[in-house]
C-alpha atoms as a PDB file:
ATOM      1  CA  MET A   1    -129.620 -36.055  10.963  1.00  0.00           C
ATOM      2  CA  ASN A   2    -128.431 -32.519  10.190  1.00  0.00           C
ATOM      3  CA  LYS A   3    -125.936 -33.956   7.722  1.00  0.00           C
ATOM      4  CA  ILE A   4    -128.717 -35.695   5.799  1.00  0.00           C
ATOM      5  CA  ILE A   5    -131.288 -32.866   5.604  1.00  0.00           C
ATOM      6  CA  PRO A   6    -130.258 -29.739   3.672  1.00  0.00           C
ATOM      7  CA  LYS A   7    -130.338 -26.391   5.485  1.00  0.00           C
ATOM      8  CA  ARG A   8    -132.365 -24.452   2.920  1.00  0.00           C
ATOM      9  CA  GLU A   9    -134.974 -24.859   0.229  1.00  0.00           C
ATOM     10  CA  SER A  10    -134.181 -24.959  -3.462  1.00  0.00           C
ATOM     11  CA  GLU A  11    -135.854 -25.899  -6.732  1.00  0.00           C
ATOM     12  CA  ASN A  12    -135.738 -29.543  -5.638  1.00  0.00           C
ATOM     13  CA  ILE A  13    -136.193 -29.242  -1.860  1.00  0.00           C
ATOM     14  CA  GLU A  14    -139.289 -28.071   0.011  1.00  0.00           C
ATOM     15  CA  PHE A  15    -139.700 -27.845   3.781  1.00  0.00           C
ATOM     16  CA  LYS A  16    -143.081 -28.043   5.523  1.00  0.00           C
ATOM     17  CA  LYS A  17    -143.437 -27.078   9.188  1.00  0.00           C
ATOM     18  CA  SER A  18    -146.202 -29.561   9.887  1.00  0.00           C
ATOM     19  CA  THR A  19    -148.710 -31.885   8.321  1.00  0.00           C
ATOM     20  CA  ALA A  20    -151.151 -28.962   8.511  1.00  0.00           C
ATOM     21  CA  GLU A  21    -149.514 -27.935   5.228  1.00  0.00           C
ATOM     22  CA  LEU A  22    -150.470 -31.257   3.647  1.00  0.00           C
ATOM     23  CA  ASN A  23    -152.556 -29.779   0.819  1.00  0.00           C
ATOM     24  CA  GLN A  24    -149.685 -27.575  -0.348  1.00  0.00           C
ATOM     25  CA  ALA A  25    -147.283 -30.479   0.090  1.00  0.00           C
ATOM     26  CA  LEU A  26    -149.387 -32.556  -2.306  1.00  0.00           C
ATOM     27  CA  VAL A  27    -149.287 -29.748  -4.874  1.00  0.00           C
ATOM     28  CA  ASP A  28    -145.504 -29.577  -4.462  1.00  0.00           C
ATOM     29  CA  LEU A  29    -145.175 -33.356  -4.785  1.00  0.00           C
ATOM     30  CA  CYS A  30    -147.100 -33.256  -8.056  1.00  0.00           C
ATOM     31  CA  ALA A  31    -144.824 -30.499  -9.338  1.00  0.00           C
ATOM     32  CA  PHE A  32    -141.751 -32.504  -8.330  1.00  0.00           C
ATOM     33  CA  ALA A  33    -143.171 -35.613 -10.007  1.00  0.00           C
ATOM     34  CA  ASN A  34    -143.766 -33.664 -13.213  1.00  0.00           C
ATOM     35  CA  SER A  35    -140.227 -32.281 -13.160  1.00  0.00           C
ATOM     36  CA  GLY A  36    -138.706 -35.676 -12.385  1.00  0.00           C
ATOM     37  CA  THR A  37    -136.997 -34.712  -9.113  1.00  0.00           C
ATOM     38  CA  GLY A  38    -137.607 -33.204  -5.682  1.00  0.00           C
ATOM     39  CA  THR A  39    -137.988 -33.887  -1.972  1.00  0.00           C
ATOM     40  CA  VAL A  40    -140.456 -32.629   0.631  1.00  0.00           C
ATOM     41  CA  TYR A  41    -139.405 -32.685   4.305  1.00  0.00           C
ATOM     42  CA  PHE A  42    -141.933 -32.526   7.166  1.00  0.00           C
END
């Protein structure tokens, strides 16, 4: 699993500690959708 998931955030990768951050995750997903790329990991 560690080989699949990057170790740090970037312009295209966002980590969330829990689903308690769901509202911010949705904002990030919209931003990624508008930019055409990105991944959010919970």
